[in-house]
Amino acid sequence: MPLLSIILFTPVVTATIILVLPRERRRTIITLATLAATITLGLTFLLFISYLRNPTGFQFEEQYSWIGS
């Protein structure tokens, strides 16, 4: 599961959605911001408890091929 990408892009996507909402939809904006913060916090906590102290190397890395061979 691309946990790091989800943690990174959840606030970015939410902020983009909030930018296009009219100012009068204050309650919706607050709800979206709170939801995004809660999701990010929960996933970060999941990442924290999944961390293993003893192994060497990177534990939470994502690899994507940018240019195909």
C-alpha atoms as a PDB file:
ATOM      1  CA  MET A   1       0.000   0.000   0.000  1.00  0.00           C
ATOM      2  CA  PRO A   2       1.483   3.397  -0.950  1.00  0.00           C
ATOM      3  CA  LEU A   3       1.108   4.787   2.572  1.00  0.00           C
ATOM      4  CA  LEU A   4       3.644   7.593   2.195  1.00  0.00           C
ATOM      5  CA  SER A   5       1.963   8.902  -0.953  1.00  0.00           C
ATOM      6  CA  ILE A   6      -1.455   8.858   0.686  1.00  0.00           C
ATOM      7  CA  ILE A   7      -0.092  10.724   3.728  1.00  0.00           C
ATOM      8  CA  LEU A   8       1.524  13.302   1.450  1.00  0.00           C
ATOM      9  CA  PHE A   9      -1.299  13.880  -1.022  1.00  0.00           C
ATOM     10  CA  THR A  10      -4.355  13.797   1.273  1.00  0.00           C
ATOM     11  CA  PRO A  11      -3.806  17.378   2.523  1.00  0.00           C
ATOM     12  CA  VAL A  12      -2.851  18.565  -0.969  1.00  0.00           C
ATOM     13  CA  VAL A  13      -6.016  17.186  -2.566  1.00  0.00           C
ATOM     14  CA  THR A  14      -8.176  18.473   0.275  1.00  0.00           C
ATOM     15  CA  ALA A  15      -6.648  21.958   0.063  1.00  0.00           C
ATOM     16  CA  THR A  16      -7.324  22.002  -3.680  1.00  0.00           C
ATOM     17  CA  ILE A  17     -10.966  21.073  -3.095  1.00  0.00           C
ATOM     18  CA  ILE A  18     -11.283  23.724  -0.381  1.00  0.00           C
ATOM     19  CA  LEU A  19      -9.850  26.359  -2.729  1.00  0.00           C
ATOM     20  CA  VAL A  20     -12.694  25.932  -5.203  1.00  0.00           C
ATOM     21  CA  LEU A  21     -15.463  25.993  -2.601  1.00  0.00           C
ATOM     22  CA  PRO A  22     -17.270  29.280  -2.039  1.00  0.00           C
ATOM     23  CA  ARG A  23     -16.576  31.067   1.247  1.00  0.00           C
ATOM     24  CA  GLU A  24     -20.215  30.699   2.282  1.00  0.00           C
ATOM     25  CA  ARG A  25     -19.775  26.916   2.609  1.00  0.00           C
ATOM     26  CA  ARG A  26     -17.837  27.423   5.843  1.00  0.00           C
ATOM     27  CA  ARG A  27     -19.215  24.315   7.556  1.00  0.00           C
ATOM     28  CA  THR A  28     -18.202  22.110   4.606  1.00  0.00           C
ATOM     29  CA  ILE A  29     -14.720  23.620   4.562  1.00  0.00           C
ATOM     30  CA  ILE A  30     -14.226  22.973   8.274  1.00  0.00           C
ATOM     31  CA  THR A  31     -15.524  19.415   7.925  1.00  0.00           C
ATOM     32  CA  LEU A  32     -13.222  18.652   4.979  1.00  0.00           C
ATOM     33  CA  ALA A  33     -10.185  20.113   6.737  1.00  0.00           C
ATOM     34  CA  THR A  34     -10.918  18.152   9.907  1.00  0.00           C
ATOM     35  CA  LEU A  35     -11.469  14.950   7.947  1.00  0.00           C
ATOM     36  CA  ALA A  36      -8.210  15.352   6.019  1.00  0.00           C
ATOM     37  CA  ALA A  37      -6.270  16.093   9.205  1.00  0.00           C
ATOM     38  CA  THR A  38      -7.789  13.060  10.940  1.00  0.00           C
ATOM     39  CA  ILE A  39      -6.983  10.753   8.019  1.00  0.00           C
ATOM     40  CA  THR A  40      -3.416  12.064   7.833  1.00  0.00           C
ATOM     41  CA  LEU A  41      -2.928  11.708  11.575  1.00  0.00           C
ATOM     42  CA  GLY A  42      -4.359   8.179  11.605  1.00  0.00           C
ATOM     43  CA  LEU A  43      -2.179   7.006   8.735  1.00  0.00           C
ATOM     44  CA  THR A  44       0.882   8.617  10.285  1.00  0.00           C
ATOM     45  CA  PHE A  45       0.153   6.815  13.553  1.00  0.00           C
ATOM     46  CA  LEU A  46      -0.207   3.553  11.607  1.00  0.00           C
ATOM     47  CA  LEU A  47       3.169   4.218  10.027  1.00  0.00           C
ATOM     48  CA  PHE A  48       4.658   4.951  13.442  1.00  0.00           C
ATOM     49  CA  ILE A  49       3.454   1.716  15.046  1.00  0.00           C
ATOM     50  CA  SER A  50       4.560  -0.298  12.001  1.00  0.00           C
ATOM     51  CA  TYR A  51       8.156   0.891  12.337  1.00  0.00           C
ATOM     52  CA  LEU A  52      10.626  -1.857  13.248  1.00  0.00           C
ATOM     53  CA  ARG A  53      13.766  -0.716  15.088  1.00  0.00           C
ATOM     54  CA  ASN A  54      16.142  -3.571  14.279  1.00  0.00           C
ATOM     55  CA  PRO A  55      16.103  -3.978  10.480  1.00  0.00           C
ATOM     56  CA  THR A  56      18.632  -2.068   8.434  1.00  0.00           C
ATOM     57  CA  GLY A  57      17.812  -0.099   5.314  1.00  0.00           C
ATOM     58  CA  PHE A  58      14.675   1.748   4.360  1.00  0.00           C
ATOM     59  CA  GLN A  59      11.412   0.404   5.740  1.00  0.00           C
ATOM     60  CA  PHE A  60       8.774   2.577   4.107  1.00  0.00           C
ATOM     61  CA  GLU A  61       9.904   3.230   0.581  1.00  0.00           C
ATOM     62  CA  GLU A  62       7.921   3.377  -2.607  1.00  0.00           C
ATOM     63  CA  GLN A  63       9.463   2.684  -5.972  1.00  0.00           C
ATOM     64  CA  TYR A  64       7.986   3.748  -9.266  1.00  0.00           C
ATOM     65  CA  SER A  65       9.567   3.520 -12.696  1.00  0.00           C
ATOM     66  CA  TRP A  66       9.571   6.977 -14.247  1.00  0.00           C
ATOM     67  CA  ILE A  67      11.049   6.115 -17.592  1.00  0.00           C
ATOM     68  CA  GLY A  68      10.385   2.708 -19.110  1.00  0.00           C
ATOM     69  CA  SER A  69      13.282   0.768 -20.574  1.00  0.00           C
END
